[in-house]
């Protein structure tokens, strides 16, 4: 499963914190599929096939700090282990548009990742694409920063990194098939 962390779509879709959902929408578009809302999983879901792997795409449509509930619910339903999930999320520690693939345990202070780690309640490594959004100069502005829209320049850089992430996803999944 590939999950793009997010806050509820209608209000927060264009914000920095929802970059994970931007990635999922771009990946769905790449595979010419549409995400459909599934209220029992508290989010949007689609299925694609990459290198003979059936992959579920998922975007939680609940607040970031409780995304783990939705991810756990859908992964339990489809019998998907945490180490079989690629989580895509924004990252304050990377400059806007920088991309990093990580396979480890932990949340690094990200509330969406913290929710996943707490809900799954296991020290299991899992894959993450960290997409940089940069960091505000003042630490007290972090909440308003992540919940605001990126500049046009940042949006362009982020969209380029999302296209790279899609290519890397195809490579990653070809290595495990």
Protein backbone atom coordinates (compact mmCIF):
# COMPACT_ATOMS: atom_id res chain seq x y z
CA UNK A 1 0.00 0.00 0.00
CA UNK A 2 1.11 3.57 -0.65
CA UNK A 3 -0.27 6.22 1.68
CA UNK A 4 -0.12 9.99 1.29
CA UNK A 5 -0.47 11.68 4.67
CA UNK A 6 -2.94 14.55 4.78
CA UNK A 7 -5.48 16.61 6.61
CA UNK A 8 -9.10 16.70 5.39
CA UNK A 9 -9.08 17.38 1.66
CA UNK A 10 -11.63 20.18 1.31
CA UNK A 11 -9.99 22.63 3.68
CA UNK A 12 -6.31 21.67 3.54
CA UNK A 13 -5.65 20.13 0.12
CA UNK A 14 -3.28 22.85 -1.14
CA UNK A 15 -1.26 23.17 2.06
CA UNK A 16 2.31 22.02 2.64
CA UNK A 17 1.15 19.39 5.15
CA UNK A 18 -0.88 17.64 2.42
CA UNK A 19 2.01 16.99 0.06
CA UNK A 20 1.58 13.26 0.67
CA UNK A 21 -1.87 13.47 -0.90
CA UNK A 22 -0.47 15.48 -3.83
CA UNK A 23 1.85 12.57 -4.51
CA UNK A 24 -0.97 10.01 -4.41
CA UNK A 25 -3.13 12.07 -6.79
CA UNK A 26 -0.15 12.38 -9.16
CA UNK A 27 0.54 8.64 -8.98
CA UNK A 28 -3.13 7.85 -9.63
CA UNK A 29 -3.08 10.22 -12.62
CA UNK A 30 0.10 8.54 -13.91
CA UNK A 31 -1.77 5.21 -13.84
CA UNK A 32 -4.97 6.79 -15.20
CA UNK A 33 -7.07 5.84 -12.20
CA UNK A 34 -9.33 7.80 -9.89
CA UNK A 35 -9.43 7.78 -6.13
CA UNK A 36 -12.85 7.20 -4.61
CA UNK A 37 -13.97 8.11 -1.14
CA UNK A 38 -14.49 5.14 1.13
CA UNK A 39 -16.06 6.28 4.38
CA UNK A 40 -15.40 3.00 6.20
CA UNK A 41 -11.65 3.68 5.85
CA UNK A 42 -11.94 7.44 6.47
CA UNK A 43 -10.28 8.31 3.19
CA UNK A 44 -9.82 7.99 -0.54
CA UNK A 45 -8.70 4.74 -2.16
CA UNK A 46 -7.69 3.36 -5.55
CA UNK A 47 -5.91 0.25 -6.83
CA UNK A 48 -3.09 0.08 -9.35
CA UNK A 49 -0.72 -2.62 -10.59
CA UNK A 50 3.03 -1.99 -10.69
CA UNK A 51 5.36 -4.76 -11.90
CA UNK A 52 2.72 -7.41 -11.12
CA UNK A 53 2.19 -5.99 -7.63
CA UNK A 54 -1.37 -5.04 -6.71
CA UNK A 55 -1.02 -1.76 -4.85
CA UNK A 56 -3.63 0.13 -2.89
CA UNK A 57 -3.36 3.91 -2.93
CA UNK A 58 -4.75 5.63 0.13
CA UNK A 59 -5.24 9.18 1.35
CA UNK A 60 -6.71 9.57 4.83
CA UNK A 61 -9.41 12.23 4.96
CA UNK A 62 -9.07 12.90 8.68
CA UNK A 63 -6.71 15.11 10.65
CA UNK A 64 -2.99 14.43 10.39
CA UNK A 65 -2.53 13.64 14.08
CA UNK A 66 -4.98 10.70 13.78
CA UNK A 67 -4.04 9.44 10.26
CA UNK A 68 -2.73 6.25 11.87
CA UNK A 69 -6.29 5.19 12.75
CA UNK A 70 -7.37 5.20 9.10
CA UNK A 71 -4.14 3.56 7.90
CA UNK A 72 -4.40 0.82 10.52
CA UNK A 73 -8.06 0.21 9.64
CA UNK A 74 -7.42 -0.25 5.90
CA UNK A 75 -4.19 -2.21 6.40
CA UNK A 76 -5.95 -4.59 8.81
CA UNK A 77 -8.85 -5.06 6.39
CA UNK A 78 -6.51 -5.93 3.49
CA UNK A 79 -3.98 -7.76 5.70
CA UNK A 80 -1.12 -5.38 4.84
CA UNK A 81 1.79 -5.20 7.30
CA UNK A 82 3.36 -1.88 8.24
CA UNK A 83 6.64 -2.87 6.56
CA UNK A 84 4.65 -3.28 3.30
CA UNK A 85 3.45 0.33 3.35
CA UNK A 86 5.16 3.28 1.70
CA UNK A 87 4.19 6.49 3.52
CA UNK A 88 4.64 9.79 1.69
CA UNK A 89 4.75 12.97 3.76
CA UNK A 90 6.02 16.52 4.04
CA UNK A 91 9.31 17.16 5.81
CA UNK A 92 10.42 20.38 7.49
CA UNK A 93 14.06 19.25 7.64
CA UNK A 94 14.45 19.14 3.86
CA UNK A 95 14.45 22.18 1.58
CA UNK A 96 11.37 22.64 -0.58
CA UNK A 97 11.39 20.03 -3.32
CA UNK A 98 14.14 17.84 -1.88
CA UNK A 99 13.24 14.17 -1.72
CA UNK A 100 14.54 11.38 0.48
CA UNK A 101 13.57 7.71 0.69
CA UNK A 102 13.93 6.26 4.16
CA UNK A 103 13.35 2.79 5.60
CA UNK A 104 13.28 2.92 9.36
CA UNK A 105 11.18 3.18 12.46
CA UNK A 106 10.27 6.46 14.10
CA UNK A 107 8.44 9.68 13.45
CA UNK A 108 11.03 12.46 13.63
CA UNK A 109 8.44 14.76 15.22
CA UNK A 110 5.94 14.46 12.34
CA UNK A 111 2.43 14.14 13.82
CA UNK A 112 1.14 11.88 11.04
CA UNK A 113 4.06 9.49 11.44
CA UNK A 114 3.74 9.67 15.22
CA UNK A 115 0.10 8.58 14.87
CA UNK A 116 1.09 5.61 12.67
CA UNK A 117 3.85 4.49 15.06
CA UNK A 118 1.53 4.80 18.08
CA UNK A 119 -1.45 3.02 16.47
CA UNK A 120 0.55 0.12 15.04
CA UNK A 121 2.30 -0.07 18.42
CA UNK A 122 5.25 -2.05 17.02
CA UNK A 123 8.84 -1.12 16.36
CA UNK A 124 8.74 -2.09 12.69
CA UNK A 125 10.69 -0.33 9.96
CA UNK A 126 8.63 1.02 7.10
CA UNK A 127 9.28 2.94 3.89
CA UNK A 128 8.83 6.70 3.73
CA UNK A 129 9.23 9.29 1.03
CA UNK A 130 10.08 12.55 2.74
CA UNK A 131 9.26 15.52 0.51
CA UNK A 132 10.86 18.75 1.64
CA UNK A 133 8.84 21.84 2.42
CA UNK A 134 11.58 23.83 4.18
CA UNK A 135 11.26 25.35 7.61
CA UNK A 136 10.12 28.76 8.82
CA UNK A 137 12.75 30.91 10.54
CA UNK A 138 10.70 31.12 13.74
CA UNK A 139 9.90 27.78 15.43
CA UNK A 140 6.65 29.23 16.76
CA UNK A 141 5.39 29.54 13.17
CA UNK A 142 5.69 25.85 12.28
CA UNK A 143 1.99 25.04 12.70
CA UNK A 144 0.83 27.96 10.55
CA UNK A 145 3.63 27.25 8.05
CA UNK A 146 2.68 23.62 7.40
CA UNK A 147 -1.01 24.55 7.19
CA UNK A 148 -0.39 27.28 4.60
CA UNK A 149 0.01 27.09 0.84
CA UNK A 150 3.55 26.97 -0.52
CA UNK A 151 4.77 29.77 -2.79
CA UNK A 152 4.57 29.28 -6.56
CA UNK A 153 8.31 28.58 -6.65
CA UNK A 154 8.04 26.03 -3.82
CA UNK A 155 5.03 24.41 -5.51
CA UNK A 156 7.02 23.99 -8.73
CA UNK A 157 9.94 22.41 -6.84
CA UNK A 158 7.60 20.12 -4.90
CA UNK A 159 5.81 19.01 -8.08
CA UNK A 160 9.15 18.17 -9.70
CA UNK A 161 10.14 16.12 -6.64
CA UNK A 162 6.80 14.29 -6.79
CA UNK A 163 7.55 13.26 -10.39
CA UNK A 164 10.95 11.94 -9.24
CA UNK A 165 9.24 10.12 -6.36
CA UNK A 166 6.92 8.39 -8.82
CA UNK A 167 9.92 7.18 -10.85
CA UNK A 168 11.62 6.01 -7.66
CA UNK A 169 8.43 4.20 -6.61
CA UNK A 170 8.45 2.24 -9.86
CA UNK A 171 12.10 1.31 -9.28
CA UNK A 172 11.49 0.37 -5.65
CA UNK A 173 8.58 -1.88 -6.55
CA UNK A 174 10.49 -3.53 -9.41
CA UNK A 175 13.23 -4.44 -6.90
CA UNK A 176 10.79 -6.22 -4.58
CA UNK A 177 8.70 -8.03 -7.18
